[in-house]
Amino acid sequence: MEKDIFEKIYKKHSRFLKHKKVRSNKKLIICFSGIPGSGKTSLAKILEKRYKGVRINSHRIGEIMQELVSKGVINENIAGRKLQVDYQIWLLEAHLFTNNLIILDSGIDRKYNEVFEIARRKGYEIFIIRLNVSEKNLRKRILIRNKENARNYFKSFNKWKREFKEFGKKVNSNIILENEGEVDLVLLFKKLDRLAR
């Protein structure tokens, strides 16, 4: 049953996935470790443009799921965070595009084990970008970005902060970026140029 749901999501999602047909022999999954609001999507878009990777954005997946719920295609009771993550894992496993450079535009912290296992089996290298941002700037960004849902964000903030910290202890990142405004991407580009080009 899940496969059927995933295929329905993919039917809508595939039109938003750029560079699916780009031929890339480099098997690389670029991931982000960062609390919501740390700049994952902004950076993922830059990398998508520079390296012509397939960017899989969790917010877009959530919007598609909500659309499918409103049309009665997906049951509201199953359309949550777990289904989003399961869909992303299915998409990596099914690999329905020719491009081997994938940018996971969401936090890797909670799904690392599943992504790592797929990468290991399929011969992909994982590149993790850790985004550090002060709590003050995170809170400011959230209020600017989505004032209506800020209360829900702040309820989960300590949990995300704890998960981010724990992940950093368990898994080494390939690069750590301080994102307090303008981010210097020179070193990141140097590292990724060697892997992705």
N, C-alpha and C. Protein backbone atom coordinates (compact mmCIF):
# COMPACT_ATOMS: atom_id res chain seq x y z
N MET A 1 0.82 -1.20 0.00
CA MET A 1 0.00 0.00 0.00
C MET A 1 0.87 1.27 0.00
N GLU A 2 1.95 1.27 0.81
CA GLU A 2 2.81 2.45 0.87
C GLU A 2 3.38 2.78 -0.50
N LYS A 3 3.81 1.75 -1.25
CA LYS A 3 4.39 1.97 -2.58
C LYS A 3 3.40 2.72 -3.47
N ASP A 4 2.13 2.36 -3.38
CA ASP A 4 1.08 3.01 -4.15
C ASP A 4 0.98 4.50 -3.78
N ILE A 5 1.05 4.78 -2.47
CA ILE A 5 1.00 6.17 -2.00
C ILE A 5 2.24 6.94 -2.48
N PHE A 6 3.42 6.31 -2.37
CA PHE A 6 4.65 6.96 -2.80
C PHE A 6 4.60 7.29 -4.29
N GLU A 7 4.07 6.39 -5.08
CA GLU A 7 3.97 6.63 -6.53
C GLU A 7 3.04 7.79 -6.83
N LYS A 8 1.97 7.92 -6.05
CA LYS A 8 1.05 9.05 -6.23
C LYS A 8 1.73 10.37 -5.86
N ILE A 9 2.50 10.34 -4.79
CA ILE A 9 3.24 11.55 -4.40
C ILE A 9 4.27 11.89 -5.48
N TYR A 10 4.98 10.87 -5.96
CA TYR A 10 6.02 11.10 -6.97
C TYR A 10 5.45 11.66 -8.27
N LYS A 11 4.27 11.21 -8.63
CA LYS A 11 3.64 11.70 -9.86
C LYS A 11 3.51 13.23 -9.82
N LYS A 12 3.16 13.77 -8.66
CA LYS A 12 3.07 15.23 -8.51
C LYS A 12 4.46 15.85 -8.28
N HIS A 13 5.29 15.16 -7.51
CA HIS A 13 6.59 15.69 -7.10
C HIS A 13 7.58 15.77 -8.26
N SER A 14 7.51 14.83 -9.17
CA SER A 14 8.53 14.74 -10.23
C SER A 14 8.63 16.00 -11.08
N ARG A 15 7.55 16.72 -11.23
CA ARG A 15 7.61 17.94 -12.06
C ARG A 15 8.42 19.05 -11.39
N PHE A 16 8.64 18.94 -10.07
CA PHE A 16 9.43 19.93 -9.35
C PHE A 16 10.90 19.55 -9.26
N LEU A 17 11.24 18.35 -9.67
CA LEU A 17 12.62 17.87 -9.57
C LEU A 17 13.39 18.25 -10.83
N LYS A 18 14.27 19.23 -10.68
CA LYS A 18 15.10 19.66 -11.82
C LYS A 18 16.25 18.69 -12.01
N HIS A 19 16.82 18.69 -13.19
CA HIS A 19 18.05 17.96 -13.52
C HIS A 19 17.92 16.44 -13.38
N LYS A 20 16.70 15.90 -13.44
CA LYS A 20 16.52 14.44 -13.31
C LYS A 20 17.26 13.69 -14.40
N LYS A 21 17.30 14.29 -15.59
CA LYS A 21 17.87 13.57 -16.74
C LYS A 21 19.32 13.91 -17.01
N VAL A 22 19.92 14.74 -16.16
CA VAL A 22 21.34 15.05 -16.30
C VAL A 22 22.12 13.78 -16.01
N ARG A 23 23.08 13.48 -16.88
CA ARG A 23 23.92 12.28 -16.64
C ARG A 23 25.05 12.65 -15.71
N SER A 24 25.11 11.96 -14.59
CA SER A 24 26.18 12.18 -13.62
C SER A 24 26.70 10.83 -13.17
N ASN A 25 27.98 10.60 -13.44
CA ASN A 25 28.58 9.33 -13.02
C ASN A 25 28.99 9.37 -11.55
N LYS A 26 29.11 10.56 -10.99
CA LYS A 26 29.50 10.70 -9.59
C LYS A 26 28.30 10.35 -8.72
N LYS A 27 28.44 9.35 -7.90
CA LYS A 27 27.36 8.95 -7.00
C LYS A 27 27.54 9.68 -5.67
N LEU A 28 26.76 10.74 -5.51
CA LEU A 28 26.94 11.61 -4.36
C LEU A 28 25.58 12.06 -3.81
N ILE A 29 25.43 11.95 -2.49
CA ILE A 29 24.25 12.48 -1.81
C ILE A 29 24.74 13.59 -0.88
N ILE A 30 24.29 14.81 -1.14
CA ILE A 30 24.63 15.96 -0.30
C ILE A 30 23.51 16.12 0.73
N CYS A 31 23.87 16.14 2.00
CA CYS A 31 22.90 16.22 3.09
C CYS A 31 23.22 17.40 3.99
N PHE A 32 22.23 17.80 4.77
CA PHE A 32 22.38 18.92 5.70
C PHE A 32 22.03 18.50 7.11
N SER A 33 22.84 18.93 8.05
CA SER A 33 22.50 18.81 9.46
C SER A 33 22.28 20.22 9.97
N GLY A 34 21.05 20.48 10.40
CA GLY A 34 20.75 21.83 10.87
C GLY A 34 19.33 21.93 11.37
N ILE A 35 19.13 22.75 12.35
CA ILE A 35 17.81 23.00 12.91
C ILE A 35 16.98 23.76 11.87
N PRO A 36 15.65 23.53 11.80
CA PRO A 36 14.83 24.31 10.87
C PRO A 36 15.09 25.81 11.02
N GLY A 37 15.32 26.47 9.89
CA GLY A 37 15.63 27.89 9.89
C GLY A 37 17.11 28.18 9.79
N SER A 38 17.94 27.12 9.71
CA SER A 38 19.39 27.32 9.69
C SER A 38 19.94 27.63 8.31
N GLY A 39 19.10 27.54 7.27
CA GLY A 39 19.54 27.91 5.92
C GLY A 39 19.75 26.74 4.98
N LYS A 40 19.18 25.58 5.29
CA LYS A 40 19.37 24.39 4.45
C LYS A 40 18.84 24.62 3.03
N THR A 41 17.63 25.12 2.92
CA THR A 41 17.03 25.29 1.60
C THR A 41 17.75 26.34 0.77
N SER A 42 18.12 27.45 1.39
CA SER A 42 18.85 28.50 0.65
C SER A 42 20.14 27.94 0.07
N LEU A 43 20.88 27.20 0.88
CA LEU A 43 22.13 26.62 0.42
C LEU A 43 21.88 25.49 -0.59
N ALA A 44 20.85 24.69 -0.35
CA ALA A 44 20.53 23.59 -1.28
C ALA A 44 20.22 24.13 -2.68
N LYS A 45 19.54 25.26 -2.77
CA LYS A 45 19.22 25.86 -4.07
C LYS A 45 20.49 26.32 -4.79
N ILE A 46 21.43 26.87 -4.03
CA ILE A 46 22.71 27.29 -4.63
C ILE A 46 23.44 26.08 -5.19
N LEU A 47 23.47 24.99 -4.41
CA LEU A 47 24.16 23.78 -4.85
C LEU A 47 23.45 23.11 -6.03
N GLU A 48 22.13 23.16 -6.02
CA GLU A 48 21.35 22.61 -7.13
C GLU A 48 21.73 23.31 -8.44
N LYS A 49 21.83 24.62 -8.39
CA LYS A 49 22.17 25.40 -9.58
C LYS A 49 23.62 25.15 -10.02
N ARG A 50 24.54 25.14 -9.07
CA ARG A 50 25.96 25.00 -9.39
C ARG A 50 26.32 23.60 -9.92
N TYR A 51 25.74 22.56 -9.28
CA TYR A 51 26.15 21.19 -9.60
C TYR A 51 25.11 20.41 -10.40
N LYS A 52 23.99 21.04 -10.72
CA LYS A 52 22.93 20.39 -11.51
C LYS A 52 22.46 19.08 -10.84
N GLY A 53 22.33 19.14 -9.52
CA GLY A 53 21.86 17.97 -8.77
C GLY A 53 20.34 17.97 -8.67
N VAL A 54 19.79 16.81 -8.31
CA VAL A 54 18.35 16.68 -8.07
C VAL A 54 18.11 17.05 -6.61
N ARG A 55 17.40 18.16 -6.40
CA ARG A 55 17.14 18.64 -5.03
C ARG A 55 15.79 18.12 -4.57
N ILE A 56 15.81 17.36 -3.47
CA ILE A 56 14.58 16.79 -2.90
C ILE A 56 14.24 17.60 -1.65
N ASN A 57 13.20 18.43 -1.77
CA ASN A 57 12.84 19.38 -0.73
C ASN A 57 11.67 18.86 0.11
N SER A 58 11.88 18.74 1.41
CA SER A 58 10.85 18.18 2.28
C SER A 58 9.61 19.08 2.37
N HIS A 59 9.77 20.40 2.29
CA HIS A 59 8.61 21.30 2.35
C HIS A 59 7.71 21.08 1.14
N ARG A 60 8.31 20.90 -0.02
CA ARG A 60 7.53 20.64 -1.24
C ARG A 60 6.76 19.33 -1.09
N ILE A 61 7.42 18.31 -0.55
CA ILE A 61 6.76 17.01 -0.34
C ILE A 61 5.57 17.18 0.60
N GLY A 62 5.75 17.95 1.66
CA GLY A 62 4.66 18.21 2.60
C GLY A 62 3.48 18.91 1.94
N GLU A 63 3.77 19.88 1.07
CA GLU A 63 2.70 20.58 0.34
C GLU A 63 1.94 19.62 -0.57
N ILE A 64 2.66 18.74 -1.25
CA ILE A 64 2.04 17.77 -2.15
C ILE A 64 1.16 16.81 -1.35
N MET A 65 1.67 16.37 -0.21
CA MET A 65 0.87 15.47 0.63
C MET A 65 -0.42 16.14 1.08
N GLN A 66 -0.34 17.40 1.48
CA GLN A 66 -1.54 18.12 1.90
C GLN A 66 -2.55 18.27 0.76
N GLU A 67 -2.02 18.51 -0.44
CA GLU A 67 -2.89 18.60 -1.62
C GLU A 67 -3.60 17.27 -1.86
N LEU A 68 -2.86 16.16 -1.74
CA LEU A 68 -3.43 14.83 -1.95
C LEU A 68 -4.44 14.47 -0.85
N VAL A 69 -4.21 14.95 0.37
CA VAL A 69 -5.17 14.75 1.46
C VAL A 69 -6.45 15.50 1.15
N SER A 70 -6.32 16.77 0.70
CA SER A 70 -7.51 17.59 0.41
C SER A 70 -8.35 17.00 -0.73
N LYS A 71 -7.71 16.24 -1.62
CA LYS A 71 -8.42 15.60 -2.74
C LYS A 71 -8.89 14.19 -2.39
N GLY A 72 -8.61 13.74 -1.16
CA GLY A 72 -9.03 12.41 -0.73
C GLY A 72 -8.17 11.27 -1.26
N VAL A 73 -7.01 11.60 -1.82
CA VAL A 73 -6.13 10.57 -2.38
C VAL A 73 -5.33 9.88 -1.27
N ILE A 74 -4.93 10.65 -0.26
CA ILE A 74 -4.20 10.11 0.88
C ILE A 74 -5.02 10.35 2.13
N ASN A 75 -5.05 9.36 3.01
CA ASN A 75 -5.75 9.48 4.28
C ASN A 75 -5.01 10.47 5.18
N GLU A 76 -5.76 11.38 5.75
CA GLU A 76 -5.19 12.42 6.62
C GLU A 76 -4.42 11.84 7.80
N ASN A 77 -4.83 10.69 8.28
CA ASN A 77 -4.20 10.08 9.46
C ASN A 77 -2.77 9.60 9.21
N ILE A 78 -2.42 9.36 7.96
CA ILE A 78 -1.05 8.87 7.69
C ILE A 78 -0.14 9.96 7.11
N ALA A 79 -0.72 11.10 6.73
CA ALA A 79 0.05 12.15 6.06
C ALA A 79 0.76 13.03 7.07
N GLY A 80 1.88 12.55 7.58
CA GLY A 80 2.64 13.34 8.54
C GLY A 80 4.13 13.25 8.26
N ARG A 81 4.90 13.63 9.27
CA ARG A 81 6.37 13.64 9.14
C ARG A 81 6.94 12.28 8.76
N LYS A 82 6.40 11.21 9.36
CA LYS A 82 6.91 9.87 9.07
C LYS A 82 6.72 9.51 7.59
N LEU A 83 5.57 9.83 7.04
CA LEU A 83 5.32 9.54 5.63
C LEU A 83 6.28 10.34 4.74
N GLN A 84 6.56 11.59 5.11
CA GLN A 84 7.53 12.41 4.36
C GLN A 84 8.89 11.75 4.32
N VAL A 85 9.36 11.32 5.49
CA VAL A 85 10.67 10.67 5.58
C VAL A 85 10.66 9.35 4.82
N ASP A 86 9.62 8.56 5.01
CA ASP A 86 9.52 7.26 4.32
C ASP A 86 9.52 7.46 2.80
N TYR A 87 8.83 8.51 2.34
CA TYR A 87 8.82 8.80 0.90
C TYR A 87 10.22 9.16 0.40
N GLN A 88 10.94 9.99 1.16
CA GLN A 88 12.31 10.36 0.75
C GLN A 88 13.20 9.12 0.67
N ILE A 89 13.07 8.22 1.64
CA ILE A 89 13.86 6.98 1.64
C ILE A 89 13.47 6.13 0.44
N TRP A 90 12.18 6.02 0.18
CA TRP A 90 11.70 5.26 -0.99
C TRP A 90 12.26 5.86 -2.29
N LEU A 91 12.26 7.19 -2.38
CA LEU A 91 12.75 7.88 -3.57
C LEU A 91 14.23 7.60 -3.79
N LEU A 92 15.01 7.60 -2.72
CA LEU A 92 16.43 7.26 -2.85
C LEU A 92 16.61 5.81 -3.28
N GLU A 93 15.79 4.95 -2.72
CA GLU A 93 15.88 3.52 -3.03
C GLU A 93 15.43 3.24 -4.47
N ALA A 94 14.32 3.84 -4.87
CA ALA A 94 13.78 3.60 -6.22
C ALA A 94 14.62 4.26 -7.30
N HIS A 95 15.21 5.40 -6.96
CA HIS A 95 16.06 6.18 -7.87
C HIS A 95 15.48 6.24 -9.30
N LEU A 96 14.47 7.04 -9.45
CA LEU A 96 13.70 7.11 -10.69
C LEU A 96 14.25 8.12 -11.69
N PHE A 97 15.51 8.53 -11.54
CA PHE A 97 16.10 9.50 -12.46
C PHE A 97 17.53 9.07 -12.79
N THR A 98 18.08 9.61 -13.89
CA THR A 98 19.42 9.20 -14.32
C THR A 98 20.53 9.94 -13.58
N ASN A 99 20.22 11.08 -13.00
CA ASN A 99 21.22 11.88 -12.29
C ASN A 99 21.60 11.19 -10.97
N ASN A 100 22.88 11.03 -10.73
CA ASN A 100 23.37 10.40 -9.51
C ASN A 100 23.80 11.40 -8.45
N LEU A 101 23.60 12.69 -8.70
CA LEU A 101 23.94 13.71 -7.71
C LEU A 101 22.64 14.17 -7.07
N ILE A 102 22.46 13.81 -5.81
CA ILE A 102 21.20 14.08 -5.12
C ILE A 102 21.47 15.04 -3.96
N ILE A 103 20.60 16.03 -3.82
CA ILE A 103 20.70 16.99 -2.72
C ILE A 103 19.46 16.82 -1.85
N LEU A 104 19.65 16.29 -0.65
CA LEU A 104 18.53 16.12 0.29
C LEU A 104 18.32 17.43 1.03
N ASP A 105 17.33 18.18 0.59
CA ASP A 105 17.03 19.50 1.15
C ASP A 105 16.12 19.33 2.37
N SER A 106 16.69 18.76 3.41
CA SER A 106 16.01 18.57 4.69
C SER A 106 17.08 18.13 5.68
N GLY A 107 16.74 18.09 6.95
CA GLY A 107 17.71 17.66 7.94
C GLY A 107 17.98 16.17 7.86
N ILE A 108 19.24 15.79 7.91
CA ILE A 108 19.64 14.38 7.85
C ILE A 108 19.63 13.76 9.25
N ASP A 109 19.59 14.57 10.27
CA ASP A 109 19.80 14.14 11.65
C ASP A 109 18.94 12.93 12.04
N ARG A 110 17.67 12.90 11.63
CA ARG A 110 16.77 11.82 12.06
C ARG A 110 16.68 10.66 11.08
N LYS A 111 17.23 10.81 9.89
CA LYS A 111 17.13 9.73 8.91
C LYS A 111 18.48 9.25 8.40
N TYR A 112 19.52 9.59 9.12
CA TYR A 112 20.88 9.27 8.67
C TYR A 112 21.09 7.76 8.47
N ASN A 113 20.65 6.95 9.41
CA ASN A 113 20.90 5.51 9.32
C ASN A 113 20.31 4.91 8.04
N GLU A 114 19.10 5.31 7.71
CA GLU A 114 18.45 4.79 6.50
C GLU A 114 19.17 5.28 5.24
N VAL A 115 19.51 6.56 5.21
CA VAL A 115 20.22 7.12 4.05
C VAL A 115 21.60 6.48 3.91
N PHE A 116 22.29 6.33 5.03
CA PHE A 116 23.62 5.71 5.01
C PHE A 116 23.56 4.29 4.45
N GLU A 117 22.56 3.53 4.87
CA GLU A 117 22.42 2.15 4.40
C GLU A 117 22.18 2.09 2.89
N ILE A 118 21.32 2.95 2.38
CA ILE A 118 21.06 3.00 0.93
C ILE A 118 22.33 3.41 0.20
N ALA A 119 23.01 4.43 0.71
CA ALA A 119 24.25 4.91 0.08
C ALA A 119 25.29 3.79 0.05
N ARG A 120 25.43 3.07 1.13
CA ARG A 120 26.41 1.98 1.20
C ARG A 120 26.09 0.90 0.16
N ARG A 121 24.83 0.50 0.11
CA ARG A 121 24.42 -0.56 -0.83
C ARG A 121 24.57 -0.14 -2.28
N LYS A 122 24.28 1.13 -2.57
CA LYS A 122 24.26 1.59 -3.96
C LYS A 122 25.57 2.27 -4.37
N GLY A 123 26.54 2.34 -3.48
CA GLY A 123 27.85 2.91 -3.83
C GLY A 123 27.89 4.42 -3.89
N TYR A 124 27.05 5.08 -3.11
CA TYR A 124 27.03 6.55 -3.06
C TYR A 124 27.94 7.05 -1.94
N GLU A 125 28.57 8.18 -2.17
CA GLU A 125 29.28 8.87 -1.11
C GLU A 125 28.30 9.86 -0.49
N ILE A 126 28.38 10.02 0.82
CA ILE A 126 27.53 11.00 1.51
C ILE A 126 28.42 12.18 1.92
N PHE A 127 27.94 13.38 1.64
CA PHE A 127 28.63 14.61 2.01
C PHE A 127 27.70 15.39 2.93
N ILE A 128 28.11 15.59 4.17
CA ILE A 128 27.25 16.24 5.16
C ILE A 128 27.75 17.66 5.45
N ILE A 129 26.83 18.60 5.30
CA ILE A 129 27.09 20.01 5.60
C ILE A 129 26.37 20.34 6.91
N ARG A 130 27.13 20.72 7.91
CA ARG A 130 26.54 21.09 9.21
C ARG A 130 26.41 22.61 9.26
N LEU A 131 25.19 23.08 9.53
CA LEU A 131 24.92 24.50 9.59
C LEU A 131 24.69 24.95 11.02
N ASN A 132 25.63 25.74 11.54
CA ASN A 132 25.52 26.30 12.88
C ASN A 132 24.94 27.70 12.80
N VAL A 133 23.93 27.95 13.62
CA VAL A 133 23.31 29.28 13.70
C VAL A 133 22.97 29.52 15.16
N SER A 134 23.15 30.74 15.62
CA SER A 134 22.81 31.06 17.01
C SER A 134 21.30 30.96 17.20
N GLU A 135 20.90 30.67 18.42
CA GLU A 135 19.47 30.56 18.74
C GLU A 135 18.76 31.87 18.47
N LYS A 136 19.42 32.98 18.78
CA LYS A 136 18.84 34.31 18.56
C LYS A 136 18.49 34.51 17.07
N ASN A 137 19.43 34.17 16.18
CA ASN A 137 19.18 34.34 14.74
C ASN A 137 18.14 33.36 14.22
N LEU A 138 18.15 32.13 14.74
CA LEU A 138 17.12 31.16 14.33
C LEU A 138 15.73 31.69 14.66
N ARG A 139 15.57 32.15 15.88
CA ARG A 139 14.26 32.66 16.30
C ARG A 139 13.83 33.87 15.46
N LYS A 140 14.77 34.75 15.17
CA LYS A 140 14.47 35.93 14.35
C LYS A 140 14.03 35.50 12.94
N ARG A 141 14.77 34.55 12.35
CA ARG A 141 14.43 34.08 11.00
C ARG A 141 13.04 33.46 10.95
N ILE A 142 12.71 32.67 11.96
CA ILE A 142 11.40 32.01 11.97
C ILE A 142 10.28 33.04 12.07
N LEU A 143 10.47 34.06 12.90
CA LEU A 143 9.44 35.10 13.02
C LEU A 143 9.25 35.85 11.71
N ILE A 144 10.33 36.05 10.96
CA ILE A 144 10.24 36.73 9.67
C ILE A 144 9.61 35.81 8.63
N ARG A 145 10.04 34.55 8.63
CA ARG A 145 9.63 33.60 7.59
C ARG A 145 8.18 33.14 7.75
N ASN A 146 7.77 32.87 9.00
CA ASN A 146 6.46 32.26 9.19
C ASN A 146 5.91 32.61 10.57
N LYS A 147 5.47 33.83 10.71
CA LYS A 147 5.02 34.33 12.01
C LYS A 147 3.83 33.54 12.55
N GLU A 148 2.94 33.09 11.65
CA GLU A 148 1.73 32.37 12.08
C GLU A 148 2.05 31.05 12.76
N ASN A 149 3.09 30.36 12.27
CA ASN A 149 3.43 29.05 12.83
C ASN A 149 4.61 29.11 13.79
N ALA A 150 5.02 30.29 14.17
CA ALA A 150 6.20 30.43 15.05
C ALA A 150 6.00 29.73 16.38
N ARG A 151 4.79 29.77 16.92
CA ARG A 151 4.53 29.13 18.22
C ARG A 151 4.81 27.63 18.14
N ASN A 152 4.35 26.96 17.06
CA ASN A 152 4.61 25.53 16.89
C ASN A 152 6.11 25.26 16.75
N TYR A 153 6.78 26.13 16.03
CA TYR A 153 8.23 25.99 15.86
C TYR A 153 8.93 26.06 17.21
N PHE A 154 8.58 27.05 18.01
CA PHE A 154 9.25 27.24 19.30
C PHE A 154 8.96 26.10 20.27
N LYS A 155 7.79 25.45 20.12
CA LYS A 155 7.48 24.28 20.96
C LYS A 155 8.46 23.14 20.69
N SER A 156 8.88 22.98 19.45
CA SER A 156 9.77 21.88 19.06
C SER A 156 11.24 22.26 19.08
N PHE A 157 11.53 23.51 19.33
CA PHE A 157 12.90 24.01 19.19
C PHE A 157 13.91 23.24 20.05
N ASN A 158 13.61 23.04 21.31
CA ASN A 158 14.56 22.36 22.20
C ASN A 158 14.81 20.91 21.76
N LYS A 159 13.77 20.25 21.28
CA LYS A 159 13.92 18.88 20.78
C LYS A 159 14.86 18.87 19.58
N TRP A 160 14.65 19.80 18.62
CA TRP A 160 15.52 19.86 17.43
C TRP A 160 16.95 20.19 17.82
N LYS A 161 17.11 21.11 18.76
CA LYS A 161 18.44 21.49 19.21
C LYS A 161 19.17 20.29 19.81
N ARG A 162 18.45 19.50 20.61
CA ARG A 162 19.03 18.31 21.22
C ARG A 162 19.42 17.28 20.15
N GLU A 163 18.52 17.05 19.18
CA GLU A 163 18.80 16.09 18.10
C GLU A 163 20.02 16.53 17.27
N PHE A 164 20.09 17.82 16.99
CA PHE A 164 21.20 18.38 16.22
C PHE A 164 22.52 18.17 16.96
N LYS A 165 22.51 18.43 18.25
CA LYS A 165 23.71 18.27 19.07
C LYS A 165 24.13 16.80 19.14
N GLU A 166 23.16 15.91 19.36
CA GLU A 166 23.45 14.47 19.45
C GLU A 166 24.00 13.93 18.13
N PHE A 167 23.42 14.37 17.03
CA PHE A 167 23.89 13.92 15.71
C PHE A 167 25.34 14.35 15.50
N GLY A 168 25.65 15.57 15.89
CA GLY A 168 27.02 16.08 15.75
C GLY A 168 28.03 15.29 16.55
N LYS A 169 27.60 14.70 17.65
CA LYS A 169 28.50 13.85 18.46
C LYS A 169 28.73 12.50 17.80
N LYS A 170 27.70 11.98 17.12
CA LYS A 170 27.76 10.62 16.56
C LYS A 170 28.37 10.57 15.16
N VAL A 171 28.11 11.60 14.35
CA VAL A 171 28.48 11.56 12.93
C VAL A 171 29.32 12.79 12.58
N ASN A 172 30.45 12.56 11.95
CA ASN A 172 31.30 13.67 11.52
C ASN A 172 30.75 14.29 10.24
N SER A 173 30.72 15.60 10.21
CA SER A 173 30.31 16.32 9.00
C SER A 173 31.54 16.55 8.13
N ASN A 174 31.31 16.70 6.82
CA ASN A 174 32.40 17.00 5.90
C ASN A 174 32.83 18.45 5.98
N ILE A 175 31.88 19.31 6.38
CA ILE A 175 32.19 20.73 6.54
C ILE A 175 31.19 21.33 7.52
N ILE A 176 31.65 22.28 8.30
CA ILE A 176 30.79 23.01 9.23
C ILE A 176 30.78 24.47 8.80
N LEU A 177 29.58 25.00 8.59
CA LEU A 177 29.44 26.40 8.18
C LEU A 177 28.72 27.19 9.27
N GLU A 178 29.26 28.35 9.57
CA GLU A 178 28.60 29.27 10.49
C GLU A 178 27.69 30.16 9.66
N ASN A 179 26.39 30.06 9.89
CA ASN A 179 25.44 30.80 9.07
C ASN A 179 24.74 31.88 9.90
N GLU A 180 25.48 32.93 10.18
CA GLU A 180 24.94 34.06 10.94
C GLU A 180 24.59 35.23 10.02
N GLY A 181 24.60 35.00 8.75
CA GLY A 181 24.33 36.05 7.75
C GLY A 181 24.89 35.59 6.44
N GLU A 182 25.92 36.27 5.96
CA GLU A 182 26.61 35.85 4.74
C GLU A 182 27.51 34.65 5.06
N VAL A 183 27.40 33.60 4.26
CA VAL A 183 28.20 32.40 4.47
C VAL A 183 29.30 32.35 3.41
N ASP A 184 30.52 32.10 3.85
CA ASP A 184 31.64 31.95 2.92
C ASP A 184 31.60 30.53 2.36
N LEU A 185 31.33 30.41 1.07
CA LEU A 185 31.15 29.10 0.45
C LEU A 185 32.39 28.62 -0.31
N VAL A 186 33.49 29.36 -0.25
CA VAL A 186 34.68 29.02 -1.03
C VAL A 186 35.18 27.61 -0.69
N LEU A 187 35.35 27.32 0.59
CA LEU A 187 35.85 26.01 1.00
C LEU A 187 34.87 24.90 0.64
N LEU A 188 33.57 25.18 0.82
CA LEU A 188 32.55 24.20 0.46
C LEU A 188 32.63 23.88 -1.03
N PHE A 189 32.71 24.90 -1.87
CA PHE A 189 32.80 24.68 -3.31
C PHE A 189 34.07 23.90 -3.68
N LYS A 190 35.18 24.20 -3.03
CA LYS A 190 36.43 23.48 -3.29
C LYS A 190 36.25 21.99 -3.03
N LYS A 191 35.66 21.68 -1.88
CA LYS A 191 35.45 20.27 -1.51
C LYS A 191 34.47 19.58 -2.46
N LEU A 192 33.36 20.25 -2.76
CA LEU A 192 32.36 19.64 -3.62
C LEU A 192 32.80 19.57 -5.08
N ASP A 193 33.58 20.55 -5.53
CA ASP A 193 34.10 20.50 -6.91
C ASP A 193 34.89 19.22 -7.14
N ARG A 194 35.66 18.82 -6.16
CA ARG A 194 36.45 17.59 -6.30
C ARG A 194 35.56 16.35 -6.37
N LEU A 195 34.44 16.38 -5.66
CA LEU A 195 33.56 15.20 -5.60
C LEU A 195 32.52 15.17 -6.71
N ALA A 196 32.01 16.33 -7.07
CA ALA A 196 30.84 16.39 -7.95
C ALA A 196 31.15 16.66 -9.41
N ARG A 197 32.38 17.05 -9.71
CA ARG A 197 32.67 17.40 -11.11
C ARG A 197 33.67 16.47 -11.72
